[in-house]
N, C-alpha and C. Protein backbone atom coordinates (compact mmCIF):
# COMPACT_ATOMS: atom_id res chain seq x y z
N MET A 1 23.99 94.05 124.77
CA MET A 1 23.10 93.44 123.83
C MET A 1 23.81 93.36 122.47
N GLU A 2 23.80 92.17 121.82
CA GLU A 2 24.43 91.98 120.53
C GLU A 2 23.39 91.92 119.43
N THR A 3 23.84 92.34 118.29
CA THR A 3 22.98 92.29 117.12
C THR A 3 23.05 90.90 116.51
N LEU A 4 21.92 90.33 116.21
CA LEU A 4 21.90 89.00 115.61
C LEU A 4 22.24 89.06 114.12
N PHE A 5 21.84 90.07 113.47
CA PHE A 5 22.08 90.19 112.04
C PHE A 5 22.90 91.46 111.80
N ASP A 6 24.13 91.27 111.25
CA ASP A 6 24.99 92.43 111.00
C ASP A 6 25.23 92.66 109.52
N GLY A 7 24.54 91.95 108.68
CA GLY A 7 24.64 92.17 107.25
C GLY A 7 25.96 91.69 106.66
N GLY A 8 26.65 90.76 107.33
CA GLY A 8 27.93 90.25 106.83
C GLY A 8 29.13 91.08 107.21
N ARG A 9 28.93 92.01 108.12
CA ARG A 9 30.03 92.89 108.52
C ARG A 9 31.19 92.10 109.13
N ARG A 10 30.90 91.13 110.00
CA ARG A 10 31.97 90.35 110.64
C ARG A 10 32.71 89.50 109.61
N ARG A 11 31.99 88.91 108.70
CA ARG A 11 32.64 88.10 107.66
C ARG A 11 33.51 89.00 106.78
N ALA A 12 33.02 90.15 106.42
CA ALA A 12 33.80 91.09 105.60
C ALA A 12 35.04 91.55 106.34
N ALA A 13 34.93 91.82 107.64
CA ALA A 13 36.09 92.23 108.43
C ALA A 13 37.11 91.10 108.51
N SER A 14 36.63 89.88 108.65
CA SER A 14 37.53 88.72 108.70
C SER A 14 38.23 88.52 107.37
N GLU A 15 37.48 88.62 106.28
CA GLU A 15 38.08 88.47 104.94
C GLU A 15 39.07 89.59 104.66
N ASN A 16 38.76 90.80 105.13
CA ASN A 16 39.67 91.93 104.97
C ASN A 16 40.97 91.69 105.73
N ALA A 17 40.85 91.15 106.95
CA ALA A 17 42.04 90.86 107.74
C ALA A 17 42.89 89.79 107.07
N LEU A 18 42.24 88.76 106.52
CA LEU A 18 42.98 87.71 105.81
C LEU A 18 43.66 88.25 104.56
N ALA A 19 42.97 89.12 103.84
CA ALA A 19 43.55 89.72 102.64
C ALA A 19 44.76 90.59 103.00
N ASN A 20 44.66 91.35 104.08
CA ASN A 20 45.80 92.16 104.54
C ASN A 20 46.97 91.27 104.94
N TYR A 21 46.67 90.15 105.61
CA TYR A 21 47.71 89.21 106.01
C TYR A 21 48.40 88.64 104.78
N ASP A 22 47.62 88.21 103.79
CA ASP A 22 48.19 87.66 102.55
C ASP A 22 49.06 88.69 101.84
N ALA A 23 48.62 89.93 101.82
CA ALA A 23 49.40 90.99 101.18
C ALA A 23 50.71 91.22 101.93
N THR A 24 50.65 91.19 103.25
CA THR A 24 51.86 91.38 104.05
C THR A 24 52.84 90.23 103.84
N VAL A 25 52.34 89.01 103.77
CA VAL A 25 53.19 87.84 103.53
C VAL A 25 53.83 87.94 102.14
N ALA A 26 53.06 88.33 101.14
CA ALA A 26 53.60 88.46 99.79
C ALA A 26 54.67 89.54 99.72
N THR A 27 54.45 90.65 100.40
CA THR A 27 55.45 91.73 100.43
C THR A 27 56.72 91.25 101.12
N TYR A 28 56.56 90.55 102.23
CA TYR A 28 57.72 90.02 102.95
C TYR A 28 58.48 89.03 102.08
N ARG A 29 57.78 88.14 101.42
CA ARG A 29 58.41 87.15 100.55
C ARG A 29 59.18 87.85 99.43
N GLN A 30 58.59 88.85 98.81
CA GLN A 30 59.26 89.57 97.73
C GLN A 30 60.50 90.30 98.24
N THR A 31 60.39 90.91 99.41
CA THR A 31 61.53 91.62 100.00
C THR A 31 62.67 90.64 100.28
N THR A 32 62.32 89.47 100.82
CA THR A 32 63.33 88.46 101.13
C THR A 32 64.00 87.94 99.86
N LEU A 33 63.22 87.66 98.85
CA LEU A 33 63.78 87.18 97.58
C LEU A 33 64.68 88.23 96.94
N THR A 34 64.28 89.48 97.02
CA THR A 34 65.09 90.56 96.48
C THR A 34 66.42 90.67 97.23
N ALA A 35 66.36 90.52 98.54
CA ALA A 35 67.59 90.59 99.34
C ALA A 35 68.52 89.44 98.99
N PHE A 36 67.98 88.24 98.87
CA PHE A 36 68.81 87.09 98.48
C PHE A 36 69.44 87.31 97.11
N GLN A 37 68.67 87.85 96.19
CA GLN A 37 69.19 88.11 94.84
C GLN A 37 70.32 89.14 94.89
N GLN A 38 70.14 90.19 95.68
CA GLN A 38 71.18 91.21 95.80
C GLN A 38 72.45 90.64 96.43
N VAL A 39 72.30 89.80 97.43
CA VAL A 39 73.47 89.16 98.05
C VAL A 39 74.18 88.30 97.02
N GLU A 40 73.43 87.48 96.30
CA GLU A 40 74.02 86.61 95.30
C GLU A 40 74.73 87.42 94.20
N ASP A 41 74.08 88.47 93.73
CA ASP A 41 74.67 89.31 92.68
C ASP A 41 75.99 89.93 93.14
N ASN A 42 76.02 90.44 94.36
CA ASN A 42 77.23 91.11 94.84
C ASN A 42 78.33 90.11 95.19
N LEU A 43 77.98 88.92 95.65
CA LEU A 43 79.00 87.88 95.86
C LEU A 43 79.62 87.48 94.53
N ALA A 44 78.78 87.33 93.50
CA ALA A 44 79.29 86.99 92.17
C ALA A 44 80.17 88.12 91.63
N ALA A 45 79.74 89.35 91.84
CA ALA A 45 80.54 90.50 91.37
C ALA A 45 81.89 90.52 92.06
N LEU A 46 81.92 90.25 93.35
CA LEU A 46 83.20 90.23 94.07
C LEU A 46 84.10 89.12 93.56
N ARG A 47 83.53 87.96 93.29
CA ARG A 47 84.33 86.85 92.77
C ARG A 47 84.91 87.19 91.39
N ILE A 48 84.08 87.74 90.53
CA ILE A 48 84.54 88.10 89.19
C ILE A 48 85.59 89.21 89.24
N LEU A 49 85.33 90.21 90.07
CA LEU A 49 86.28 91.33 90.18
C LEU A 49 87.59 90.89 90.80
N ASP A 50 87.57 89.86 91.65
CA ASP A 50 88.81 89.34 92.21
C ASP A 50 89.69 88.77 91.10
N GLY A 51 89.08 88.01 90.20
CA GLY A 51 89.82 87.48 89.05
C GLY A 51 90.34 88.60 88.15
N GLU A 52 89.50 89.59 87.91
CA GLU A 52 89.92 90.73 87.09
C GLU A 52 91.07 91.48 87.75
N ALA A 53 91.02 91.61 89.06
CA ALA A 53 92.08 92.33 89.78
C ALA A 53 93.41 91.60 89.65
N GLN A 54 93.37 90.28 89.72
CA GLN A 54 94.61 89.51 89.57
C GLN A 54 95.19 89.67 88.18
N GLN A 55 94.34 89.59 87.17
CA GLN A 55 94.81 89.78 85.80
C GLN A 55 95.32 91.19 85.57
N GLN A 56 94.63 92.17 86.12
CA GLN A 56 95.04 93.55 85.94
C GLN A 56 96.36 93.81 86.65
N GLN A 57 96.56 93.20 87.81
CA GLN A 57 97.83 93.38 88.51
C GLN A 57 98.98 92.81 87.70
N GLU A 58 98.74 91.70 87.00
CA GLU A 58 99.76 91.14 86.11
C GLU A 58 100.04 92.10 84.96
N ALA A 59 99.01 92.73 84.43
CA ALA A 59 99.19 93.70 83.35
C ALA A 59 99.98 94.91 83.84
N VAL A 60 99.69 95.37 85.06
CA VAL A 60 100.43 96.50 85.63
C VAL A 60 101.90 96.13 85.78
N SER A 61 102.16 94.97 86.32
CA SER A 61 103.54 94.52 86.52
C SER A 61 104.27 94.41 85.19
N SER A 62 103.60 93.85 84.21
CA SER A 62 104.20 93.70 82.88
C SER A 62 104.49 95.05 82.24
N SER A 63 103.55 95.99 82.36
CA SER A 63 103.77 97.30 81.75
C SER A 63 104.86 98.08 82.47
N GLU A 64 105.01 97.88 83.78
CA GLU A 64 106.11 98.53 84.50
C GLU A 64 107.45 97.95 84.08
N ASP A 65 107.49 96.63 83.86
CA ASP A 65 108.72 96.01 83.37
C ASP A 65 109.07 96.54 81.99
N SER A 66 108.05 96.66 81.14
CA SER A 66 108.25 97.18 79.78
C SER A 66 108.75 98.62 79.83
N LEU A 67 108.17 99.42 80.72
CA LEU A 67 108.61 100.81 80.86
C LEU A 67 110.07 100.87 81.29
N GLN A 68 110.43 100.03 82.23
CA GLN A 68 111.82 100.01 82.68
C GLN A 68 112.76 99.60 81.54
N LEU A 69 112.35 98.63 80.75
CA LEU A 69 113.15 98.18 79.62
C LEU A 69 113.32 99.30 78.60
N PHE A 70 112.22 99.97 78.23
CA PHE A 70 112.33 101.05 77.24
C PHE A 70 113.13 102.23 77.79
N SER A 71 113.00 102.50 79.08
CA SER A 71 113.80 103.58 79.68
C SER A 71 115.28 103.25 79.62
N ASN A 72 115.63 102.03 79.93
CA ASN A 72 117.04 101.62 79.86
C ASN A 72 117.55 101.65 78.43
N ARG A 73 116.73 101.20 77.51
CA ARG A 73 117.15 101.22 76.09
C ARG A 73 117.30 102.66 75.59
N TYR A 74 116.43 103.56 76.07
CA TYR A 74 116.55 104.97 75.69
C TYR A 74 117.84 105.56 76.24
N LYS A 75 118.13 105.26 77.51
CA LYS A 75 119.36 105.76 78.11
C LYS A 75 120.59 105.20 77.41
N GLY A 76 120.48 103.99 76.86
CA GLY A 76 121.59 103.38 76.13
C GLY A 76 121.66 103.84 74.68
N GLY A 77 120.71 104.64 74.25
CA GLY A 77 120.72 105.18 72.89
C GLY A 77 120.13 104.24 71.86
N VAL A 78 119.45 103.20 72.27
CA VAL A 78 118.90 102.23 71.33
C VAL A 78 117.51 102.65 70.84
N ASP A 79 116.69 103.16 71.74
CA ASP A 79 115.30 103.52 71.41
C ASP A 79 115.11 105.03 71.49
N THR A 80 113.99 105.46 70.87
CA THR A 80 113.64 106.88 70.93
C THR A 80 112.82 107.15 72.18
N TYR A 81 112.71 108.43 72.51
CA TYR A 81 111.93 108.79 73.69
C TYR A 81 110.43 108.55 73.47
N LEU A 82 110.00 108.53 72.21
CA LEU A 82 108.61 108.25 71.89
C LEU A 82 108.20 106.86 72.40
N GLN A 83 109.11 105.91 72.31
CA GLN A 83 108.81 104.57 72.81
C GLN A 83 108.68 104.57 74.33
N VAL A 84 109.47 105.40 74.99
CA VAL A 84 109.37 105.52 76.45
C VAL A 84 108.02 106.14 76.82
N ILE A 85 107.62 107.17 76.08
CA ILE A 85 106.33 107.82 76.33
C ILE A 85 105.18 106.84 76.11
N ASN A 86 105.26 106.04 75.05
CA ASN A 86 104.22 105.04 74.80
C ASN A 86 104.15 104.02 75.93
N ALA A 87 105.31 103.60 76.42
CA ALA A 87 105.34 102.64 77.53
C ALA A 87 104.77 103.28 78.80
N GLN A 88 105.05 104.56 79.01
CA GLN A 88 104.49 105.27 80.16
C GLN A 88 102.97 105.35 80.04
N THR A 89 102.47 105.60 78.84
CA THR A 89 101.03 105.69 78.61
C THR A 89 100.35 104.36 78.92
N VAL A 90 100.94 103.28 78.45
CA VAL A 90 100.38 101.95 78.71
C VAL A 90 100.40 101.65 80.20
N ALA A 91 101.50 101.98 80.87
CA ALA A 91 101.61 101.73 82.32
C ALA A 91 100.55 102.54 83.08
N LEU A 92 100.37 103.79 82.68
CA LEU A 92 99.37 104.64 83.34
C LEU A 92 97.96 104.11 83.12
N MET A 93 97.66 103.69 81.90
CA MET A 93 96.33 103.14 81.62
C MET A 93 96.09 101.89 82.46
N ASN A 94 97.09 101.05 82.60
CA ASN A 94 96.93 99.84 83.41
C ASN A 94 96.73 100.18 84.89
N GLU A 95 97.43 101.19 85.37
CA GLU A 95 97.25 101.63 86.76
C GLU A 95 95.83 102.17 86.97
N ARG A 96 95.36 102.95 86.01
CA ARG A 96 94.00 103.50 86.12
C ARG A 96 92.96 102.39 86.11
N ASN A 97 93.14 101.39 85.25
CA ASN A 97 92.23 100.24 85.23
C ASN A 97 92.26 99.50 86.56
N ASN A 98 93.45 99.39 87.14
CA ASN A 98 93.60 98.73 88.43
C ASN A 98 92.82 99.48 89.51
N VAL A 99 92.92 100.79 89.52
CA VAL A 99 92.19 101.61 90.49
C VAL A 99 90.69 101.50 90.25
N ASP A 100 90.27 101.44 89.00
CA ASP A 100 88.84 101.32 88.69
C ASP A 100 88.29 99.98 89.20
N ILE A 101 89.04 98.92 89.03
CA ILE A 101 88.61 97.61 89.54
C ILE A 101 88.52 97.66 91.06
N LEU A 102 89.47 98.29 91.71
CA LEU A 102 89.43 98.42 93.16
C LEU A 102 88.18 99.18 93.60
N ARG A 103 87.85 100.26 92.89
CA ARG A 103 86.64 101.03 93.21
C ARG A 103 85.40 100.17 93.05
N ARG A 104 85.34 99.40 91.97
CA ARG A 104 84.19 98.53 91.74
C ARG A 104 84.09 97.44 92.81
N ARG A 105 85.23 96.94 93.28
CA ARG A 105 85.20 95.95 94.36
C ARG A 105 84.68 96.58 95.66
N MET A 106 85.08 97.81 95.92
CA MET A 106 84.59 98.50 97.12
C MET A 106 83.08 98.74 97.01
N ASP A 107 82.62 99.15 95.84
CA ASP A 107 81.18 99.36 95.63
C ASP A 107 80.41 98.06 95.88
N ALA A 108 80.91 96.95 95.33
CA ALA A 108 80.24 95.67 95.50
C ALA A 108 80.24 95.25 96.97
N SER A 109 81.32 95.54 97.68
CA SER A 109 81.38 95.20 99.11
C SER A 109 80.35 95.98 99.90
N VAL A 110 80.24 97.26 99.60
CA VAL A 110 79.25 98.09 100.30
C VAL A 110 77.83 97.61 99.99
N LEU A 111 77.57 97.31 98.72
CA LEU A 111 76.24 96.83 98.34
C LEU A 111 75.94 95.47 98.97
N LEU A 112 76.96 94.63 99.13
CA LEU A 112 76.76 93.34 99.79
C LEU A 112 76.38 93.54 101.25
N ILE A 113 77.08 94.42 101.93
CA ILE A 113 76.77 94.70 103.33
C ILE A 113 75.36 95.26 103.45
N LYS A 114 75.00 96.14 102.54
CA LYS A 114 73.64 96.70 102.55
C LYS A 114 72.60 95.61 102.32
N ALA A 115 72.88 94.69 101.38
CA ALA A 115 71.93 93.61 101.08
C ALA A 115 71.80 92.64 102.25
N LEU A 116 72.85 92.51 103.03
CA LEU A 116 72.81 91.63 104.19
C LEU A 116 72.09 92.27 105.38
N GLY A 117 71.65 93.49 105.19
CA GLY A 117 70.89 94.15 106.25
C GLY A 117 71.69 95.18 107.00
N GLY A 118 72.94 95.34 106.63
CA GLY A 118 73.76 96.35 107.30
C GLY A 118 73.48 97.72 106.75
N GLY A 119 73.83 98.68 107.50
CA GLY A 119 73.66 100.05 107.05
C GLY A 119 74.60 100.93 107.83
N TRP A 120 74.85 102.05 107.28
CA TRP A 120 75.76 102.98 107.94
C TRP A 120 75.06 104.32 108.10
N THR A 121 75.22 104.85 109.26
CA THR A 121 74.86 106.24 109.48
C THR A 121 76.11 106.90 110.02
N ILE A 122 76.13 108.19 110.02
CA ILE A 122 77.31 108.91 110.47
C ILE A 122 77.64 108.55 111.91
N SER A 123 76.64 108.33 112.73
CA SER A 123 76.89 108.01 114.13
C SER A 123 77.54 106.64 114.30
N GLU A 124 77.35 105.72 113.32
CA GLU A 124 77.93 104.38 113.42
C GLU A 124 79.35 104.31 112.89
N LEU A 125 79.80 105.32 112.16
CA LEU A 125 81.15 105.30 111.62
C LEU A 125 82.17 105.47 112.73
N PRO A 126 83.33 104.82 112.62
CA PRO A 126 84.34 104.96 113.65
C PRO A 126 84.93 106.37 113.64
N LYS A 127 85.33 106.83 114.80
CA LYS A 127 85.94 108.15 114.89
C LYS A 127 87.35 108.10 114.37
N GLU A 128 87.86 109.21 113.90
CA GLU A 128 89.17 109.26 113.29
C GLU A 128 90.26 108.81 114.27
N ALA A 129 90.11 109.14 115.52
CA ALA A 129 91.12 108.79 116.53
C ALA A 129 91.22 107.27 116.70
N THR A 130 90.11 106.54 116.54
CA THR A 130 90.15 105.09 116.71
C THR A 130 90.76 104.39 115.51
N LEU A 131 90.85 105.06 114.38
CA LEU A 131 91.42 104.46 113.18
C LEU A 131 92.96 104.49 113.19
N ARG A 132 93.52 105.28 114.07
CA ARG A 132 94.99 105.40 114.08
C ARG A 132 95.63 104.48 115.02
């Protein structure tokens, strides 16, 4: 036996279901847009860092050439050792900047993989024996 009058309970349940559906769609849309934004951000970061890495590698090469020049001039008695130390300092700073850019590129790569839906757990990592 069914009730003829339910006081709007069925309509309220239907409206509640529609509201839940709309909320789920909105959440999904926001999640998708956020993922696309993260992918775009990390692709841009990788592109920019690639250019920075090329420029930094040129700076490293130039500072190593300069260090070699000052070392040779010091050995020839033309320059003081202070100039060699300064050239070493510049070369070291350029190397450190190069390593920092590499770290930032690795971070952006990991974040890109994460944004694309990838993830890592310890069980998914390759074993040390397979890396050799």
